[in-house]
Structures are given as C-alpha cells and as structure tokens.
C-alpha cells in the first residue's frame, strides 16, 4: 500500500511553497524475505519560490530525501598497466592468488599496474538519498536602465547517497555527526 500527501501554500505571485510526503510498504514473498528484507520507502520533497515585487531578486529551492534500495558495491582490482594503474599487488600470505586485502597504493609513479573498480552486486541494502538545490537570480537591470543587460544567476546543488542505515533516523538532514558521507556532488552554475 502507498500513502501520499501534498500541501501547497501560495498566498500571492511573490511566494509559493509545496511539500510532498510519500510512504510505501511492500509485501515481500517469504522466499525473498531473507534476501530483500527492506519493504518500506519514505520520500519527502519541498519546493518553493520567492520573487521580490520588482522582480529584482528571485529565489527557488528544492529539498528532497528518500529511502531506497541500492546495490552493495564490491571492490575489484583490474590489471590495467602502469599508465592507468594506481595499486600494486603484494602477496602477503604467499599463496600466489590475489585477494582484495593484498592490494596497496603505489608508492612511486608508474609502479601500480592495477586499478580499483567498484562493481554493483546482486544483493541490495538500504540507502538514503538527499538532494538540495538553491537558485538565486539577481536582475538589477529591471530596476536600473544602465544595468539592463546584466542578470546574475547562481545555482548550488548538493547530492548525497549513503548506504548507512543510521542516517535514516536523521531525516536526511546534512549533519556530520550522523554518519560519514560516501560521496558529495556540489555543482555551481
């Protein structure tokens, strides 16, 4: 079953906001329950805008957080040669077979002949993704004729996806005390 709701508030042409909340609970067949124990999804999106009376200033925002399933990434080392390699295989246990814990970063340039690759596996784990976007537009030409050709627009986007289940209790807020981040994407246009 799925539960969705939307709340919208737009008191006039200068301000508006919308919040959407969704919750889904799925039934997992017993034969798949052990492999895919995650059966709940939560999503929250909040959008809004602000425009100054003379349209001198404009502000748009979007915030979204959702729980999802993501594949577990497996670490694999591929032999690429010294031009691309960054890792060296050292046979610590002397068995002649490369194991994941036997690859170490190169210490000298062009020493490494292996590259680390993260490959998605067949098993899934809980993940939480967060996206925040803020766009600011400043158009001084709408107020002062001499500056008519000038419009300044800045967009900042933050995206995060973590597979640490404890983050779900933080409601997707960006708090460094919640859990370490696996990767961040920050783009400014």
Protein backbone atom coordinates (compact mmCIF):
# COMPACT_ATOMS: atom_id res chain seq x y z
CA UNK A 1 0.00 0.00 0.00
CA UNK A 2 1.02 3.58 -0.63
CA UNK A 3 0.18 6.78 1.20
CA UNK A 4 0.85 10.18 -0.43
CA UNK A 5 0.07 13.72 0.58
CA UNK A 6 0.71 17.20 -0.73
CA UNK A 7 0.48 20.59 0.97
CA UNK A 8 0.62 23.76 -1.13
CA UNK A 9 0.70 27.37 0.02
CA UNK A 10 0.78 30.24 -2.49
CA UNK A 11 -0.52 33.47 -0.94
CA UNK A 12 0.32 35.56 -4.00
CA UNK A 13 2.57 35.92 -7.04
CA UNK A 14 5.68 36.60 -4.94
CA UNK A 15 5.84 33.48 -2.76
CA UNK A 16 4.82 29.85 -3.01
CA UNK A 17 5.79 26.54 -1.46
CA UNK A 18 4.80 22.90 -1.84
CA UNK A 19 5.59 19.93 0.40
CA UNK A 20 5.01 16.32 -0.66
CA UNK A 21 5.27 13.26 1.54
CA UNK A 22 5.02 9.64 0.43
CA UNK A 23 5.19 6.32 2.25
CA UNK A 24 5.07 2.85 0.72
CA UNK A 25 5.01 -0.53 2.37
CA UNK A 26 5.51 -3.60 0.20
CA UNK A 27 4.85 -7.23 0.87
CA UNK A 28 7.84 -9.40 0.15
CA UNK A 29 7.16 -13.05 -0.69
CA UNK A 30 8.56 -15.37 2.02
CA UNK A 31 11.10 -16.95 -0.35
CA UNK A 32 12.67 -13.49 -0.97
CA UNK A 33 12.27 -12.07 2.55
CA UNK A 34 15.72 -13.14 3.71
CA UNK A 35 17.46 -11.67 0.67
CA UNK A 36 15.35 -8.47 0.43
CA UNK A 37 14.25 -7.62 3.98
CA UNK A 38 13.61 -3.93 3.19
CA UNK A 39 9.96 -3.31 2.47
CA UNK A 40 9.36 0.34 3.37
CA UNK A 41 10.08 3.53 1.44
CA UNK A 42 9.77 7.13 2.61
CA UNK A 43 10.08 10.22 0.40
CA UNK A 44 9.86 13.94 1.21
CA UNK A 45 10.12 16.82 -1.29
CA UNK A 46 9.86 20.53 -0.53
CA UNK A 47 9.83 23.15 -3.30
CA UNK A 48 9.37 26.87 -3.19
CA UNK A 49 10.00 30.23 -4.76
CA UNK A 50 10.25 33.89 -3.79
CA UNK A 51 10.14 36.90 -6.13
CA UNK A 52 10.67 40.47 -5.00
CA UNK A 53 7.95 42.93 -6.05
CA UNK A 54 10.00 44.42 -8.91
CA UNK A 55 11.45 41.01 -9.86
CA UNK A 56 14.85 42.36 -8.89
CA UNK A 57 15.50 39.24 -6.81
CA UNK A 58 14.35 35.67 -7.39
CA UNK A 59 14.91 32.61 -5.26
CA UNK A 60 13.96 28.98 -6.00
CA UNK A 61 14.64 25.97 -3.79
CA UNK A 62 14.10 22.24 -3.72
CA UNK A 63 14.87 19.75 -0.99
CA UNK A 64 14.29 16.04 -1.32
CA UNK A 65 15.07 12.99 0.77
CA UNK A 66 14.06 9.42 0.15
CA UNK A 67 14.88 5.93 1.28
CA UNK A 68 15.61 3.38 -1.40
CA UNK A 69 17.35 0.14 -2.15
CA UNK A 70 20.82 0.26 -3.66
CA UNK A 71 23.19 -2.50 -4.74
CA UNK A 72 26.09 -3.33 -2.48
CA UNK A 73 29.33 -2.34 -4.22
CA UNK A 74 32.10 -4.93 -4.39
CA UNK A 75 35.74 -3.93 -4.64
CA UNK A 76 37.53 -5.49 -7.63
CA UNK A 77 41.07 -4.87 -8.89
CA UNK A 78 41.67 -4.96 -12.65
CA UNK A 79 45.08 -5.19 -14.29
CA UNK A 80 45.42 -2.08 -16.49
CA UNK A 81 49.13 -1.46 -16.81
CA UNK A 82 51.38 1.30 -15.44
CA UNK A 83 49.74 4.10 -17.45
CA UNK A 84 46.44 3.78 -15.54
CA UNK A 85 47.24 1.62 -12.51
CA UNK A 86 47.31 3.03 -9.01
CA UNK A 87 47.67 -0.17 -6.95
CA UNK A 88 50.33 -2.83 -6.51
CA UNK A 89 49.65 -6.47 -5.60
CA UNK A 90 51.77 -7.77 -2.75
CA UNK A 91 51.25 -11.45 -1.95
CA UNK A 92 51.22 -11.14 1.85
CA UNK A 93 50.21 -14.75 2.57
CA UNK A 94 52.35 -16.33 -0.19
CA UNK A 95 49.58 -18.37 -1.81
CA UNK A 96 50.04 -16.85 -5.29
CA UNK A 97 46.40 -15.77 -5.52
CA UNK A 98 45.41 -12.09 -5.45
CA UNK A 99 42.99 -11.21 -2.65
CA UNK A 100 41.31 -7.85 -2.12
CA UNK A 101 43.29 -7.09 1.05
CA UNK A 102 46.62 -7.63 -0.76
CA UNK A 103 46.42 -4.57 -3.00
CA UNK A 104 48.20 -1.45 -1.73
CA UNK A 105 48.51 2.05 -3.25
CA UNK A 106 51.59 2.64 -5.38
CA UNK A 107 54.47 4.48 -3.73
CA UNK A 108 56.33 5.51 -6.90
CA UNK A 109 54.88 6.94 -10.12
CA UNK A 110 54.03 4.28 -12.76
CA UNK A 111 54.60 1.49 -10.22
CA UNK A 112 50.96 0.42 -9.96
CA UNK A 113 49.51 -1.88 -12.59
CA UNK A 114 46.06 -2.43 -11.04
CA UNK A 115 43.03 -0.13 -10.90
CA UNK A 116 40.33 -0.38 -8.22
CA UNK A 117 36.79 -0.69 -9.59
CA UNK A 118 33.55 -0.80 -7.59
CA UNK A 119 31.08 -3.23 -9.18
CA UNK A 120 27.43 -3.50 -8.09
CA UNK A 121 26.48 -6.90 -6.70
CA UNK A 122 23.17 -8.79 -6.75
CA UNK A 123 22.35 -8.01 -3.11
CA UNK A 124 20.62 -4.81 -2.07
CA UNK A 125 20.94 -2.66 1.03
CA UNK A 126 19.09 0.30 2.50
CA UNK A 127 20.17 3.68 1.16
CA UNK A 128 19.10 7.25 1.77
CA UNK A 129 19.50 9.91 -0.88
CA UNK A 130 19.36 13.64 -0.26
CA UNK A 131 19.21 16.42 -2.83
CA UNK A 132 19.14 20.13 -2.09
CA UNK A 133 19.09 22.81 -4.77
CA UNK A 134 19.09 26.58 -4.37
CA UNK A 135 18.90 29.03 -7.26
CA UNK A 136 19.39 32.76 -6.79
CA UNK A 137 18.71 35.26 -9.57
CA UNK A 138 19.58 38.92 -9.34
CA UNK A 139 18.44 41.18 -12.19
CA UNK A 140 19.48 44.78 -11.42
CA UNK A 141 18.51 45.80 -14.98
CA UNK A 142 14.86 45.58 -14.03
CA UNK A 143 15.37 48.49 -11.66
CA UNK A 144 18.20 50.49 -13.24
CA UNK A 145 18.21 51.05 -17.01
CA UNK A 146 22.02 51.19 -17.29
CA UNK A 147 22.26 47.63 -15.94
CA UNK A 148 19.55 46.12 -18.18
CA UNK A 149 21.81 43.54 -19.91
CA UNK A 150 23.10 42.26 -16.55
CA UNK A 151 21.48 39.22 -14.90
CA UNK A 152 23.27 37.16 -12.27
CA UNK A 153 22.10 33.58 -11.73
CA UNK A 154 23.70 31.13 -9.33
CA UNK A 155 22.62 27.55 -8.74
CA UNK A 156 24.02 25.36 -5.98
CA UNK A 157 23.13 21.67 -5.92
CA UNK A 158 24.09 19.19 -3.19
CA UNK A 159 23.53 15.46 -3.73
CA UNK A 160 24.32 12.68 -1.31
CA UNK A 161 23.60 8.98 -1.25
CA UNK A 162 24.62 6.95 1.72
CA UNK A 163 24.13 3.29 2.49
CA UNK A 164 24.48 3.67 6.23
CA UNK A 165 21.09 2.75 7.75
CA UNK A 166 21.61 5.03 10.76
CA UNK A 167 21.27 8.09 8.51
CA UNK A 168 17.57 7.37 8.00
CA UNK A 169 16.96 8.43 11.61
CA UNK A 170 18.33 11.89 10.77
CA UNK A 171 15.55 12.52 8.21
CA UNK A 172 18.14 13.27 5.59
CA UNK A 173 19.46 16.38 7.24
CA UNK A 174 23.05 17.24 6.46
CA UNK A 175 24.64 16.62 9.84
CA UNK A 176 28.25 15.47 10.03
CA UNK A 177 27.59 13.81 13.40
CA UNK A 178 25.02 11.48 11.82
CA UNK A 179 27.36 9.42 9.70
CA UNK A 180 30.32 9.80 7.36
CA UNK A 181 29.47 10.64 3.77
CA UNK A 182 30.42 8.29 0.97
CA UNK A 183 30.48 10.98 -1.71
CA UNK A 184 29.33 14.53 -2.30
CA UNK A 185 28.48 16.23 -5.52
CA UNK A 186 28.48 20.02 -5.48
CA UNK A 187 27.82 21.85 -8.70
CA UNK A 188 27.53 25.56 -9.24
CA UNK A 189 26.27 27.02 -12.49
